[in-house]
């Protein structure tokens, strides 16, 4: 049983052998027909999502000449995740995010909200978290950092009752090679 292994008692030769076996299992798996099919399906989904995103941006710019684009990463705080044994249910995450979107659509930005896109990811430390882009009418709003902060606090305080956390990407625009956040004019759509 793998749980009964005591790796610290293995010789250097045994460590090398263990890694070699693991590599063989990995190589066999990534060479399988089912894995290659799965990979092709993932690539198709990425391409489809990318085209859908481009179509959305084009449609939004037909409605308004300038958009204020907010980029926000939302998830759950490390202390909260630790208190939950580093486990959070996907149902909880989806329910919280559904509430967040409802509040966003019906909140004070309702009249200027042009659209939004998101991506749900999972990582060993952050667990489930979302990367979110929110498109607002640029004629009605100008303070992207402040608005992004406000929407982050909405997630942290109102939706997750303090269990959430967020990262305001607009606060550090210079960190991004292809920024696509802040005020974007219709003739600079490739910035997104």
Protein backbone atom coordinates (compact mmCIF):
# COMPACT_ATOMS: atom_id res chain seq x y z
CA UNK A 1 0.00 0.00 0.00
CA UNK A 2 1.37 3.41 -1.03
CA UNK A 3 0.34 4.95 2.29
CA UNK A 4 2.62 2.50 4.11
CA UNK A 5 5.74 3.51 2.19
CA UNK A 6 8.42 5.27 4.19
CA UNK A 7 10.37 7.23 1.63
CA UNK A 8 13.00 8.39 4.10
CA UNK A 9 14.12 4.78 4.57
CA UNK A 10 14.78 4.21 0.86
CA UNK A 11 18.30 4.09 -0.52
CA UNK A 12 19.36 6.47 -3.30
CA UNK A 13 19.08 3.59 -5.77
CA UNK A 14 15.53 2.84 -4.60
CA UNK A 15 14.58 6.54 -4.96
CA UNK A 16 15.86 6.53 -8.53
CA UNK A 17 13.96 3.31 -9.26
CA UNK A 18 10.75 4.78 -7.79
CA UNK A 19 11.06 7.90 -9.96
CA UNK A 20 11.83 5.76 -13.04
CA UNK A 21 8.69 3.69 -12.45
CA UNK A 22 6.60 6.80 -11.98
CA UNK A 23 7.96 8.25 -15.23
CA UNK A 24 7.13 5.03 -17.07
CA UNK A 25 3.53 5.16 -15.80
CA UNK A 26 3.24 8.82 -16.84
CA UNK A 27 4.75 8.17 -20.29
CA UNK A 28 2.39 5.24 -20.84
CA UNK A 29 -0.61 7.35 -19.86
CA UNK A 30 0.25 10.37 -22.04
CA UNK A 31 0.89 8.04 -24.98
CA UNK A 32 -2.52 6.39 -24.69
CA UNK A 33 -5.27 6.96 -27.23
CA UNK A 34 -7.69 8.10 -24.53
CA UNK A 35 -5.28 10.75 -23.20
CA UNK A 36 -4.53 12.05 -26.71
CA UNK A 37 -8.27 12.26 -27.39
CA UNK A 38 -8.80 14.11 -24.10
CA UNK A 39 -6.00 16.55 -24.99
CA UNK A 40 -7.51 17.23 -28.45
CA UNK A 41 -10.89 17.89 -26.83
CA UNK A 42 -9.28 20.36 -24.41
CA UNK A 43 -7.53 22.15 -27.28
CA UNK A 44 -10.81 22.39 -29.20
CA UNK A 45 -12.54 23.83 -26.13
CA UNK A 46 -9.79 26.44 -25.69
CA UNK A 47 -10.09 27.49 -29.34
CA UNK A 48 -13.88 27.65 -29.12
CA UNK A 49 -13.73 29.75 -25.94
CA UNK A 50 -11.17 32.08 -27.49
CA UNK A 51 -13.36 32.66 -30.56
CA UNK A 52 -16.42 33.22 -28.36
CA UNK A 53 -14.49 35.78 -26.31
CA UNK A 54 -13.41 37.66 -29.45
CA UNK A 55 -17.01 37.66 -30.73
CA UNK A 56 -18.24 38.98 -27.37
CA UNK A 57 -15.72 41.83 -27.36
CA UNK A 58 -16.63 42.76 -30.95
CA UNK A 59 -20.34 42.79 -30.05
CA UNK A 60 -19.74 44.90 -26.95
CA UNK A 61 -17.80 47.49 -28.93
CA UNK A 62 -20.74 47.77 -31.34
CA UNK A 63 -22.77 49.02 -28.38
CA UNK A 64 -20.23 51.42 -26.85
CA UNK A 65 -17.07 53.09 -28.13
CA UNK A 66 -15.17 52.81 -24.83
CA UNK A 67 -15.25 50.17 -22.16
CA UNK A 68 -13.82 50.14 -18.69
CA UNK A 69 -12.48 46.62 -18.26
CA UNK A 70 -12.03 45.26 -14.76
CA UNK A 71 -10.00 42.13 -14.04
CA UNK A 72 -10.56 40.47 -10.70
CA UNK A 73 -9.41 37.13 -9.28
CA UNK A 74 -11.70 35.81 -6.56
CA UNK A 75 -11.50 32.76 -4.33
CA UNK A 76 -11.24 31.78 -0.69
CA UNK A 77 -8.69 32.95 1.86
CA UNK A 78 -5.89 30.61 2.89
CA UNK A 79 -6.91 30.73 6.60
CA UNK A 80 -10.45 29.74 5.62
CA UNK A 81 -9.25 26.92 3.37
CA UNK A 82 -6.92 25.70 6.11
CA UNK A 83 -9.80 25.71 8.61
CA UNK A 84 -11.73 23.50 6.16
CA UNK A 85 -8.90 20.99 5.82
CA UNK A 86 -7.97 22.44 2.39
CA UNK A 87 -11.25 21.19 0.97
CA UNK A 88 -14.10 23.25 -0.39
CA UNK A 89 -16.97 21.76 -2.35
CA UNK A 90 -17.51 22.68 -5.96
CA UNK A 91 -21.21 23.15 -5.14
CA UNK A 92 -20.33 25.81 -2.55
CA UNK A 93 -18.02 27.57 -5.02
CA UNK A 94 -20.63 27.56 -7.80
CA UNK A 95 -23.41 28.73 -5.47
CA UNK A 96 -21.26 31.58 -4.15
CA UNK A 97 -20.32 32.61 -7.67
CA UNK A 98 -23.93 32.45 -8.84
CA UNK A 99 -24.91 34.79 -6.01
CA UNK A 100 -22.00 37.09 -6.89
CA UNK A 101 -23.13 37.37 -10.51
CA UNK A 102 -26.72 38.02 -9.43
CA UNK A 103 -25.55 40.85 -7.16
CA UNK A 104 -23.33 42.22 -9.93
CA UNK A 105 -26.18 42.25 -12.47
CA UNK A 106 -28.65 43.83 -10.03
CA UNK A 107 -26.29 46.17 -8.17
CA UNK A 108 -25.35 49.79 -8.71
CA UNK A 109 -23.46 48.91 -11.92
CA UNK A 110 -26.56 47.35 -13.48
CA UNK A 111 -27.11 50.19 -15.98
CA UNK A 112 -23.48 50.29 -17.14
CA UNK A 113 -22.69 46.56 -17.13
CA UNK A 114 -21.96 45.51 -20.72
CA UNK A 115 -20.86 41.95 -20.01
CA UNK A 116 -18.46 39.64 -18.22
CA UNK A 117 -16.46 36.47 -18.73
CA UNK A 118 -14.90 34.12 -16.22
CA UNK A 119 -12.74 31.08 -15.90
CA UNK A 120 -12.91 28.65 -13.01
CA UNK A 121 -9.58 27.09 -12.03
CA UNK A 122 -8.34 24.70 -9.38
CA UNK A 123 -4.92 24.76 -7.76
CA UNK A 124 -3.41 22.83 -4.85
CA UNK A 125 -3.05 25.94 -2.68
CA UNK A 126 -5.81 28.28 -3.86
CA UNK A 127 -8.25 25.42 -4.50
CA UNK A 128 -11.19 26.63 -6.64
CA UNK A 129 -10.94 30.24 -7.76
CA UNK A 130 -12.23 32.43 -10.58
CA UNK A 131 -10.54 34.80 -12.99
CA UNK A 132 -13.13 37.38 -13.98
CA UNK A 133 -13.28 40.20 -16.54
CA UNK A 134 -16.09 42.72 -16.23
CA UNK A 135 -16.91 45.12 -19.07
CA UNK A 136 -18.51 48.43 -18.13
CA UNK A 137 -19.64 51.35 -20.30
CA UNK A 138 -16.60 53.64 -20.44
CA UNK A 139 -18.78 56.72 -20.82
CA UNK A 140 -20.29 56.10 -17.38
CA UNK A 141 -17.24 54.98 -15.34
CA UNK A 142 -13.56 55.92 -15.16
CA UNK A 143 -12.14 54.71 -11.85
CA UNK A 144 -11.25 51.10 -12.61
CA UNK A 145 -9.09 50.47 -9.54
CA UNK A 146 -11.74 51.75 -7.14
CA UNK A 147 -14.56 49.84 -8.87
CA UNK A 148 -12.54 46.63 -8.95
CA UNK A 149 -11.84 47.02 -5.23
CA UNK A 150 -15.55 47.52 -4.59
CA UNK A 151 -16.43 44.35 -6.51
CA UNK A 152 -13.73 42.43 -4.66
CA UNK A 153 -15.18 43.52 -1.34
CA UNK A 154 -18.63 42.45 -2.55
CA UNK A 155 -17.23 38.93 -2.98
CA UNK A 156 -15.24 38.92 0.25
CA UNK A 157 -17.80 40.46 2.61
CA UNK A 158 -21.29 40.02 1.22
CA UNK A 159 -21.04 36.77 -0.72
CA UNK A 160 -18.58 34.72 1.37
CA UNK A 161 -19.07 36.42 4.76
CA UNK A 162 -15.33 36.99 5.15
CA UNK A 163 -14.19 33.60 3.86
CA UNK A 164 -13.35 35.01 0.45
CA UNK A 165 -10.38 36.89 -0.88
CA UNK A 166 -9.64 38.72 -4.11
CA UNK A 167 -6.87 40.22 -6.17
CA UNK A 168 -7.49 43.51 -7.95
CA UNK A 169 -5.55 43.11 -11.22
CA UNK A 170 -6.35 46.70 -12.24
CA UNK A 171 -4.24 47.94 -9.34
CA UNK A 172 -1.12 46.49 -11.01
CA UNK A 173 -1.75 46.91 -14.75
CA UNK A 174 1.97 47.08 -15.52
CA UNK A 175 2.39 43.43 -14.47
CA UNK A 176 0.50 42.24 -17.54
CA UNK A 177 2.15 41.89 -20.93
CA UNK A 178 -1.14 42.19 -22.80
CA UNK A 179 -2.99 44.41 -20.38
CA UNK A 180 -6.52 44.62 -21.73
CA UNK A 181 -7.72 46.23 -18.53
CA UNK A 182 -8.64 49.78 -17.66
CA UNK A 183 -10.16 52.09 -20.27
CA UNK A 184 -10.17 50.50 -23.73
CA UNK A 185 -11.35 52.32 -26.85
CA UNK A 186 -13.09 50.57 -29.75
CA UNK A 187 -10.07 51.16 -32.02
CA UNK A 188 -7.77 49.44 -29.50
CA UNK A 189 -9.77 46.22 -29.06
CA UNK A 190 -6.66 44.10 -29.69
CA UNK A 191 -5.45 45.32 -26.26
CA UNK A 192 -7.88 42.86 -24.75
